[in-house]
Structures are given as structure tokens and as C-alpha cells.
Amino acid sequence: MPTGKVKWFDADKGFGFLSQTDGPDVYVHADALPEGLTTVKPGTRVEFGIAQGRRGEQALQVRLLDAPASVSRNKAQAKRKKPEEMVPIVEDLIRLLDGVGESYRHGRHPERRTAQPVAKLLRALATELEA
């Protein structure tokens, strides 16, 4: 089976290209990725089968050999806040969300000047929770 690395992959479009160790780049569709995987990072070493597609060679049954180390994940973990620092942030966010919920209960959308900071805080909290 040929081996290579992920050259690039666009999860939104559902395809990308693999660089072969010996040979031309190969098209890869999201359907060829291992079950449960919807994207792969550039630089990930892979093994794959090849079939002739309408526009050239196409990868089949991609198998990950190893994934590149994620520097951003390690940095995020190093900056993770302590639980006691998170308590007031979460409590403040709950109060803000109560205000948003009140607007919806009265049959209207919250004002943009109120909703945008809440959305920003929710994204920041999600990032912190995933770290």
C-alpha cells in the first residue's frame, strides 16, 4: 500500500490531497477517511489504496499512521484557568444568558449590542472547556 502525508484537506468541502512518498499527489474524499473522522491535519502520515477516478488517481481506505503533534493544544492546556477562577466567569455568563432568555420569552430577539458579547463569551468558555 502506498504511504504519504496529507498535503491539505478542507473539511467544509470534504476533500483534499495526499502527497505520495513515490509519485504524484492523490485526491482524497472525506468518505475515504477512517470511520468517525471528518478531517485530517496537514502533515499527518497516512497509508491508502489507490483507484483510478474520473480525473485521475483517488485515495481509498485511508489509514492514519501517526498524527503530527498539536502545538496549539499544548499551549492551550498550559494556559488553562484554575477551577476557582472559572466560577465567577460561569456565574456571570449564566446571568447574561438569563437576560437573553428573557428577551426570547417576551417573543423578541435580544438586541445585537447585548447578544454579541454573550456570543463572544460563550465561544471563549467553549474554548476553555475544550482545553
Protein backbone atom coordinates (compact mmCIF):
# COMPACT_ATOMS: atom_id res chain seq x y z
CA MET A 1 0.00 0.00 0.00
CA PRO A 2 1.28 3.48 -0.82
CA THR A 3 2.16 5.85 2.00
CA GLY A 4 2.42 9.60 2.18
CA LYS A 5 1.30 12.69 4.05
CA VAL A 6 -1.76 14.87 4.00
CA LYS A 7 -0.89 17.84 1.79
CA TRP A 8 -4.11 19.69 2.61
CA PHE A 9 -7.70 18.85 3.49
CA ASP A 10 -10.75 21.14 3.52
CA ALA A 11 -13.37 19.74 5.90
CA ASP A 12 -16.05 22.13 4.62
CA LYS A 13 -15.60 20.92 1.04
CA GLY A 14 -14.98 17.31 2.10
CA PHE A 15 -11.81 16.66 0.14
CA GLY A 16 -8.10 17.31 -0.11
CA PHE A 17 -4.86 15.86 -1.44
CA LEU A 18 -2.24 13.43 -0.20
CA SER A 19 1.43 13.63 -1.15
CA GLN A 20 2.78 10.20 -2.01
CA THR A 21 6.25 9.15 -0.94
CA ASP A 22 6.91 7.99 -4.52
CA GLY A 23 4.55 9.52 -7.03
CA PRO A 24 2.11 12.32 -7.78
CA ASP A 25 -0.37 13.85 -5.36
CA VAL A 26 -3.59 11.87 -4.89
CA TYR A 27 -7.12 13.23 -4.44
CA VAL A 28 -8.84 12.13 -1.21
CA HIS A 29 -12.55 12.45 -0.41
CA ALA A 30 -13.88 12.50 3.17
CA ASP A 31 -15.58 9.14 2.52
CA ALA A 32 -12.14 7.51 2.29
CA LEU A 33 -11.15 8.63 5.81
CA PRO A 34 -11.41 6.21 8.73
CA GLU A 35 -14.90 5.88 10.23
CA GLY A 36 -15.79 8.77 12.54
CA LEU A 37 -13.15 11.08 11.07
CA THR A 38 -14.30 14.11 9.07
CA THR A 39 -10.95 15.85 8.62
CA VAL A 40 -7.20 15.28 8.81
CA LYS A 41 -4.43 17.76 9.54
CA PRO A 42 -1.73 18.58 7.01
CA GLY A 43 1.43 16.59 7.69
CA THR A 44 -0.38 13.53 9.06
CA ARG A 45 1.29 10.35 7.78
CA VAL A 46 -1.16 8.01 6.05
CA GLU A 47 -1.39 4.72 4.19
CA PHE A 48 -4.00 4.33 1.47
CA GLY A 49 -5.20 2.37 -1.51
CA ILE A 50 -5.44 3.96 -4.94
CA ALA A 51 -8.17 3.68 -7.55
CA GLN A 52 -8.46 5.37 -10.90
CA GLY A 53 -11.12 8.08 -10.66
CA ARG A 54 -12.72 10.24 -13.34
CA ARG A 55 -9.97 12.84 -13.02
CA GLY A 56 -7.02 10.72 -12.01
CA GLU A 57 -5.86 8.74 -9.02
CA GLN A 58 -8.04 8.75 -5.93
CA ALA A 59 -7.21 7.52 -2.42
CA LEU A 60 -9.31 4.73 -0.89
CA GLN A 61 -9.41 3.36 2.65
CA VAL A 62 -7.06 5.89 4.21
CA ARG A 63 -5.38 4.69 7.39
CA LEU A 64 -3.61 7.10 9.76
CA LEU A 65 -0.06 6.06 10.58
CA ASP A 66 0.54 8.92 13.00
CA ALA A 67 -0.70 12.43 13.60
CA PRO A 68 1.56 15.49 13.89
CA ALA A 69 1.91 16.92 17.37
CA SER A 70 -0.55 19.70 18.02
CA VAL A 71 1.37 22.66 19.37
CA SER A 72 -1.77 24.77 19.82
CA ARG A 73 -3.38 22.14 22.06
CA ASN A 74 -0.34 22.05 24.35
CA LYS A 75 -0.29 25.85 24.62
CA ALA A 76 -4.00 25.88 25.44
CA GLN A 77 -3.50 23.37 28.23
CA ALA A 78 -0.63 25.40 29.70
CA LYS A 79 -2.90 28.50 29.86
CA ARG A 80 -5.94 26.71 31.29
CA LYS A 81 -7.53 28.65 34.14
CA LYS A 82 -7.87 27.20 37.62
CA PRO A 83 -11.37 25.96 38.59
CA GLU A 84 -11.75 28.69 41.22
CA GLU A 85 -11.05 31.31 38.53
CA MET A 86 -13.75 29.83 36.31
CA VAL A 87 -16.57 30.03 38.91
CA PRO A 88 -17.26 33.81 38.60
CA ILE A 89 -16.91 33.66 34.80
CA VAL A 90 -19.52 30.90 34.50
CA GLU A 91 -21.85 32.59 37.03
CA ASP A 92 -21.65 35.92 35.15
CA LEU A 93 -22.33 34.16 31.88
CA ILE A 94 -25.40 32.47 33.37
CA ARG A 95 -26.74 35.89 34.41
CA LEU A 96 -26.18 37.23 30.89
CA LEU A 97 -27.88 34.18 29.37
CA ASP A 98 -30.87 34.72 31.69
CA GLY A 99 -31.26 38.18 30.14
CA VAL A 100 -31.11 36.70 26.64
CA GLY A 101 -33.67 34.08 27.64
CA GLU A 102 -35.97 36.79 29.00
CA SER A 103 -35.96 38.52 25.61
CA TYR A 104 -36.96 35.29 23.92
CA ARG A 105 -39.70 34.69 26.50
CA HIS A 106 -41.19 38.05 25.51
CA GLY A 107 -41.21 37.00 21.86
CA ARG A 108 -38.30 39.06 20.60
CA HIS A 109 -34.66 38.54 19.75
CA PRO A 110 -32.09 40.12 22.06
CA GLU A 111 -30.52 43.36 20.87
CA ARG A 112 -27.26 42.92 18.95
CA ARG A 113 -25.33 45.02 21.45
CA THR A 114 -26.38 42.51 24.11
CA ALA A 115 -26.16 39.32 22.06
CA GLN A 116 -22.71 39.82 20.52
CA PRO A 117 -20.78 39.99 23.82
CA VAL A 118 -22.70 36.95 25.10
CA ALA A 119 -21.80 35.02 21.95
CA LYS A 120 -18.14 36.03 22.36
CA LEU A 121 -18.14 34.88 25.98
CA LEU A 122 -19.78 31.56 25.05
CA ARG A 123 -17.07 30.91 22.46
CA ALA A 124 -14.34 31.74 25.00
CA LEU A 125 -15.92 29.44 27.57
CA ALA A 126 -16.20 26.65 25.00
CA THR A 127 -12.51 27.04 24.19
CA GLU A 128 -11.64 26.90 27.88
CA LEU A 129 -13.78 23.80 28.42
CA GLU A 130 -12.17 22.02 25.47
CA ALA A 131 -8.62 22.85 26.60
